[in-house]
Amino acid sequence: MDYRLHDISQLAQILEAEACGRPFDRALGHRLASTLAEYQPEIGNSMRQIAERMGERR
């Protein structure tokens, strides 16, 4: 199994910033979540939901 710990860590930082109302890179969050959904099928559903949310314009 391909563990993408760096991607997971980056996405966690983005999600924390989002939750705290700090600025974050929405495009990077979308890309990371999409990549994780593809390479980590056991968390794919959650990552697709995050990717969808990050892909929305706000």
PDB file of N, CA and C in Angstrom:
ATOM      1  N   MET A   1       0.845  -1.182   0.000  1.00  0.00           N
ATOM      2  CA  MET A   1       0.000   0.000   0.000  1.00  0.00           C
ATOM      3  C   MET A   1       0.887   1.242   0.000  1.00  0.00           C
ATOM      4  N   ASP A   2       0.485   2.212  -0.764  1.00  0.00           N
ATOM      5  CA  ASP A   2       1.253   3.448  -0.906  1.00  0.00           C
ATOM      6  C   ASP A   2       0.758   4.477   0.110  1.00  0.00           C
ATOM      7  N   TYR A   3       1.462   4.617   1.210  1.00  0.00           N
ATOM      8  CA  TYR A   3       1.074   5.619   2.197  1.00  0.00           C
ATOM      9  C   TYR A   3       1.672   6.958   1.798  1.00  0.00           C
ATOM     10  N   ARG A   4       0.848   7.932   1.660  1.00  0.00           N
ATOM     11  CA  ARG A   4       1.265   9.265   1.229  1.00  0.00           C
ATOM     12  C   ARG A   4       1.199  10.200   2.438  1.00  0.00           C
ATOM     13  N   LEU A   5       2.083   9.934   3.400  1.00  0.00           N
ATOM     14  CA  LEU A   5       2.033  10.655   4.678  1.00  0.00           C
ATOM     15  C   LEU A   5       2.229  12.155   4.513  1.00  0.00           C
ATOM     16  N   HIS A   6       3.086  12.558   3.592  1.00  0.00           N
ATOM     17  CA  HIS A   6       3.299  13.986   3.377  1.00  0.00           C
ATOM     18  C   HIS A   6       2.009  14.644   2.887  1.00  0.00           C
ATOM     19  N   ASP A   7       1.324  13.997   1.946  1.00  0.00           N
ATOM     20  CA  ASP A   7       0.061  14.542   1.431  1.00  0.00           C
ATOM     21  C   ASP A   7      -0.989  14.607   2.532  1.00  0.00           C
ATOM     22  N   ILE A   8      -1.057  13.559   3.347  1.00  0.00           N
ATOM     23  CA  ILE A   8      -2.026  13.528   4.449  1.00  0.00           C
ATOM     24  C   ILE A   8      -1.729  14.650   5.442  1.00  0.00           C
ATOM     25  N   SER A   9      -0.462  14.855   5.756  1.00  0.00           N
ATOM     26  CA  SER A   9      -0.072  15.919   6.685  1.00  0.00           C
ATOM     27  C   SER A   9      -0.422  17.298   6.123  1.00  0.00           C
ATOM     28  N   GLN A  10      -0.124  17.506   4.850  1.00  0.00           N
ATOM     29  CA  GLN A  10      -0.452  18.800   4.224  1.00  0.00           C
ATOM     30  C   GLN A  10      -1.952  19.041   4.241  1.00  0.00           C
ATOM     31  N   LEU A  11      -2.728  18.010   3.887  1.00  0.00           N
ATOM     32  CA  LEU A  11      -4.178  18.164   3.870  1.00  0.00           C
ATOM     33  C   LEU A  11      -4.709  18.438   5.274  1.00  0.00           C
ATOM     34  N   ALA A  12      -4.149  17.783   6.282  1.00  0.00           N
ATOM     35  CA  ALA A  12      -4.569  18.029   7.661  1.00  0.00           C
ATOM     36  C   ALA A  12      -4.337  19.488   8.049  1.00  0.00           C
ATOM     37  N   GLN A  13      -3.216  20.055   7.637  1.00  0.00           N
ATOM     38  CA  GLN A  13      -2.930  21.466   7.926  1.00  0.00           C
ATOM     39  C   GLN A  13      -3.940  22.376   7.233  1.00  0.00           C
ATOM     40  N   ILE A  14      -4.293  22.041   6.004  1.00  0.00           N
ATOM     41  CA  ILE A  14      -5.272  22.838   5.261  1.00  0.00           C
ATOM     42  C   ILE A  14      -6.638  22.756   5.933  1.00  0.00           C
ATOM     43  N   LEU A  15      -7.031  21.555   6.340  1.00  0.00           N
ATOM     44  CA  LEU A  15      -8.326  21.388   7.003  1.00  0.00           C
ATOM     45  C   LEU A  15      -8.370  22.116   8.347  1.00  0.00           C
ATOM     46  N   GLU A  16      -7.252  22.104   9.058  1.00  0.00           N
ATOM     47  CA  GLU A  16      -7.188  22.836  10.328  1.00  0.00           C
ATOM     48  C   GLU A  16      -7.336  24.334  10.087  1.00  0.00           C
ATOM     49  N   ALA A  17      -6.646  24.839   9.082  1.00  0.00           N
ATOM     50  CA  ALA A  17      -6.756  26.268   8.758  1.00  0.00           C
ATOM     51  C   ALA A  17      -8.194  26.616   8.373  1.00  0.00           C
ATOM     52  N   GLU A  18      -8.818  25.760   7.580  1.00  0.00           N
ATOM     53  CA  GLU A  18     -10.209  25.993   7.183  1.00  0.00           C
ATOM     54  C   GLU A  18     -11.110  26.043   8.409  1.00  0.00           C
ATOM     55  N   ALA A  19     -10.941  25.080   9.309  1.00  0.00           N
ATOM     56  CA  ALA A  19     -11.776  25.005  10.508  1.00  0.00           C
ATOM     57  C   ALA A  19     -11.590  26.210  11.428  1.00  0.00           C
ATOM     58  N   CYS A  20     -10.379  26.760  11.438  1.00  0.00           N
ATOM     59  CA  CYS A  20     -10.070  27.901  12.313  1.00  0.00           C
ATOM     60  C   CYS A  20     -10.318  29.247  11.645  1.00  0.00           C
ATOM     61  N   GLY A  21     -10.741  29.216  10.386  1.00  0.00           N
ATOM     62  CA  GLY A  21     -11.023  30.461   9.687  1.00  0.00           C
ATOM     63  C   GLY A  21      -9.788  31.170   9.172  1.00  0.00           C
ATOM     64  N   ARG A  22      -8.663  30.473   9.123  1.00  0.00           N
ATOM     65  CA  ARG A  22      -7.439  31.067   8.592  1.00  0.00           C
ATOM     66  C   ARG A  22      -7.393  30.876   7.074  1.00  0.00           C
ATOM     67  N   PRO A  23      -6.642  31.683   6.381  1.00  0.00           N
ATOM     68  CA  PRO A  23      -6.504  31.507   4.927  1.00  0.00           C
ATOM     69  C   PRO A  23      -5.837  30.166   4.614  1.00  0.00           C
ATOM     70  N   PHE A  24      -6.232  29.558   3.517  1.00  0.00           N
ATOM     71  CA  PHE A  24      -5.641  28.291   3.085  1.00  0.00           C
ATOM     72  C   PHE A  24      -5.748  28.179   1.577  1.00  0.00           C
ATOM     73  N   ASP A  25      -4.972  27.290   1.030  1.00  0.00           N
ATOM     74  CA  ASP A  25      -4.908  27.082  -0.412  1.00  0.00           C
ATOM     75  C   ASP A  25      -5.959  26.047  -0.817  1.00  0.00           C
ATOM     76  N   ARG A  26      -7.094  26.527  -1.267  1.00  0.00           N
ATOM     77  CA  ARG A  26      -8.216  25.663  -1.635  1.00  0.00           C
ATOM     78  C   ARG A  26      -7.854  24.734  -2.791  1.00  0.00           C
ATOM     79  N   ALA A  27      -7.127  25.244  -3.784  1.00  0.00           N
ATOM     80  CA  ALA A  27      -6.746  24.421  -4.944  1.00  0.00           C
ATOM     81  C   ALA A  27      -5.825  23.278  -4.518  1.00  0.00           C
ATOM     82  N   LEU A  28      -4.883  23.561  -3.624  1.00  0.00           N
ATOM     83  CA  LEU A  28      -3.987  22.517  -3.130  1.00  0.00           C
ATOM     84  C   LEU A  28      -4.776  21.485  -2.333  1.00  0.00           C
ATOM     85  N   GLY A  29      -5.719  21.925  -1.521  1.00  0.00           N
ATOM     86  CA  GLY A  29      -6.559  21.000  -0.768  1.00  0.00           C
ATOM     87  C   GLY A  29      -7.345  20.083  -1.695  1.00  0.00           C
ATOM     88  N   HIS A  30      -7.877  20.654  -2.757  1.00  0.00           N
ATOM     89  CA  HIS A  30      -8.617  19.857  -3.741  1.00  0.00           C
ATOM     90  C   HIS A  30      -7.704  18.823  -4.387  1.00  0.00           C
ATOM     91  N   ARG A  31      -6.523  19.255  -4.785  1.00  0.00           N
ATOM     92  CA  ARG A  31      -5.575  18.340  -5.450  1.00  0.00           C
ATOM     93  C   ARG A  31      -5.133  17.219  -4.511  1.00  0.00           C
ATOM     94  N   LEU A  32      -4.799  17.567  -3.285  1.00  0.00           N
ATOM     95  CA  LEU A  32      -4.359  16.555  -2.320  1.00  0.00           C
ATOM     96  C   LEU A  32      -5.467  15.546  -2.026  1.00  0.00           C
ATOM     97  N   ALA A  33      -6.666  16.037  -1.767  1.00  0.00           N
ATOM     98  CA  ALA A  33      -7.776  15.134  -1.458  1.00  0.00           C
ATOM     99  C   ALA A  33      -8.095  14.230  -2.643  1.00  0.00           C
ATOM    100  N   SER A  34      -8.047  14.771  -3.847  1.00  0.00           N
ATOM    101  CA  SER A  34      -8.300  13.965  -5.047  1.00  0.00           C
ATOM    102  C   SER A  34      -7.248  12.879  -5.211  1.00  0.00           C
ATOM    103  N   THR A  35      -5.993  13.247  -4.995  1.00  0.00           N
ATOM    104  CA  THR A  35      -4.900  12.283  -5.107  1.00  0.00           C
ATOM    105  C   THR A  35      -5.025  11.200  -4.049  1.00  0.00           C
ATOM    106  N   LEU A  36      -5.331  11.597  -2.820  1.00  0.00           N
ATOM    107  CA  LEU A  36      -5.485  10.616  -1.747  1.00  0.00           C
ATOM    108  C   LEU A  36      -6.670   9.683  -2.010  1.00  0.00           C
ATOM    109  N   ALA A  37      -7.746  10.207  -2.571  1.00  0.00           N
ATOM    110  CA  ALA A  37      -8.896   9.360  -2.897  1.00  0.00           C
ATOM    111  C   ALA A  37      -8.505   8.282  -3.897  1.00  0.00           C
ATOM    112  N   GLU A  38      -7.642   8.639  -4.813  1.00  0.00           N
ATOM    113  CA  GLU A  38      -7.205   7.691  -5.842  1.00  0.00           C
ATOM    114  C   GLU A  38      -6.256   6.636  -5.280  1.00  0.00           C
ATOM    115  N   TYR A  39      -5.293   7.069  -4.479  1.00  0.00           N
ATOM    116  CA  TYR A  39      -4.242   6.166  -4.014  1.00  0.00           C
ATOM    117  C   TYR A  39      -4.528   5.479  -2.686  1.00  0.00           C
ATOM    118  N   GLN A  40      -5.498   5.954  -1.944  1.00  0.00           N
ATOM    119  CA  GLN A  40      -5.844   5.364  -0.646  1.00  0.00           C
ATOM    120  C   GLN A  40      -7.336   5.007  -0.648  1.00  0.00           C
ATOM    121  N   PRO A  41      -7.723   3.910  -1.298  1.00  0.00           N
ATOM    122  CA  PRO A  41      -9.142   3.589  -1.430  1.00  0.00           C
ATOM    123  C   PRO A  41      -9.879   3.422  -0.103  1.00  0.00           C
ATOM    124  N   GLU A  42      -9.165   3.061   0.958  1.00  0.00           N
ATOM    125  CA  GLU A  42      -9.829   2.877   2.250  1.00  0.00           C
ATOM    126  C   GLU A  42     -10.343   4.199   2.833  1.00  0.00           C
ATOM    127  N   ILE A  43      -9.828   5.315   2.377  1.00  0.00           N
ATOM    128  CA  ILE A  43     -10.335   6.625   2.817  1.00  0.00           C
ATOM    129  C   ILE A  43     -10.894   7.410   1.636  1.00  0.00           C
ATOM    130  N   GLY A  44     -11.124   6.714   0.532  1.00  0.00           N
ATOM    131  CA  GLY A  44     -11.551   7.362  -0.712  1.00  0.00           C
ATOM    132  C   GLY A  44     -12.825   8.172  -0.596  1.00  0.00           C
ATOM    133  N   ASN A  45     -13.842   7.627   0.069  1.00  0.00           N
ATOM    134  CA  ASN A  45     -15.112   8.356   0.169  1.00  0.00           C
ATOM    135  C   ASN A  45     -14.942   9.686   0.888  1.00  0.00           C
ATOM    136  N   SER A  46     -14.228   9.667   1.994  1.00  0.00           N
ATOM    137  CA  SER A  46     -13.993  10.905   2.750  1.00  0.00           C
ATOM    138  C   SER A  46     -13.190  11.906   1.921  1.00  0.00           C
ATOM    139  N   MET A  47     -12.171  11.409   1.244  1.00  0.00           N
ATOM    140  CA  MET A  47     -11.322  12.304   0.449  1.00  0.00           C
ATOM    141  C   MET A  47     -12.098  12.900  -0.725  1.00  0.00           C
ATOM    142  N   ARG A  48     -13.000  12.123  -1.331  1.00  0.00           N
ATOM    143  CA  ARG A  48     -13.817  12.670  -2.428  1.00  0.00           C
ATOM    144  C   ARG A  48     -14.750  13.769  -1.915  1.00  0.00           C
ATOM    145  N   GLN A  49     -15.279  13.607  -0.704  1.00  0.00           N
ATOM    146  CA  GLN A  49     -16.129  14.654  -0.126  1.00  0.00           C
ATOM    147  C   GLN A  49     -15.322  15.927   0.119  1.00  0.00           C
ATOM    148  N   ILE A  50     -14.119  15.771   0.638  1.00  0.00           N
ATOM    149  CA  ILE A  50     -13.254  16.937   0.880  1.00  0.00           C
ATOM    150  C   ILE A  50     -12.888  17.585  -0.444  1.00  0.00           C
ATOM    151  N   ALA A  51     -12.520  16.780  -1.437  1.00  0.00           N
ATOM    152  CA  ALA A  51     -12.146  17.318  -2.749  1.00  0.00           C
ATOM    153  C   ALA A  51     -13.308  18.100  -3.349  1.00  0.00           C
ATOM    154  N   GLU A  52     -14.510  17.565  -3.217  1.00  0.00           N
ATOM    155  CA  GLU A  52     -15.687  18.256  -3.746  1.00  0.00           C
ATOM    156  C   GLU A  52     -15.871  19.610  -3.060  1.00  0.00           C
ATOM    157  N   ARG A  53     -15.746  19.614  -1.731  1.00  0.00           N
ATOM    158  CA  ARG A  53     -15.907  20.864  -0.980  1.00  0.00           C
ATOM    159  C   ARG A  53     -14.816  21.870  -1.338  1.00  0.00           C
ATOM    160  N   MET A  54     -13.579  21.393  -1.463  1.00  0.00           N
ATOM    161  CA  MET A  54     -12.464  22.284  -1.788  1.00  0.00           C
ATOM    162  C   MET A  54     -12.570  22.806  -3.217  1.00  0.00           C
ATOM    163  N   GLY A  55     -13.230  22.062  -4.078  1.00  0.00           N
ATOM    164  CA  GLY A  55     -13.381  22.483  -5.460  1.00  0.00           C
ATOM    165  C   GLY A  55     -14.451  23.539  -5.656  1.00  0.00           C
ATOM    166  N   GLU A  56     -15.314  23.720  -4.657  1.00  0.00           N
ATOM    167  CA  GLU A  56     -16.366  24.726  -4.740  1.00  0.00           C
ATOM    168  C   GLU A  56     -15.774  26.114  -4.570  1.00  0.00           C
ATOM    169  N   ARG A  57     -16.325  27.044  -5.311  1.00  0.00           N
ATOM    170  CA  ARG A  57     -15.908  28.455  -5.168  1.00  0.00           C
ATOM    171  C   ARG A  57     -16.666  29.074  -4.016  1.00  0.00           C
ATOM    172  N   ARG A  58     -15.952  29.750  -3.128  1.00  0.00           N
ATOM    173  CA  ARG A  58     -16.609  30.416  -2.000  1.00  0.00           C
ATOM    174  C   ARG A  58     -16.235  31.863  -1.977  1.00  0.00           C
TER     175      ARG A  58
END
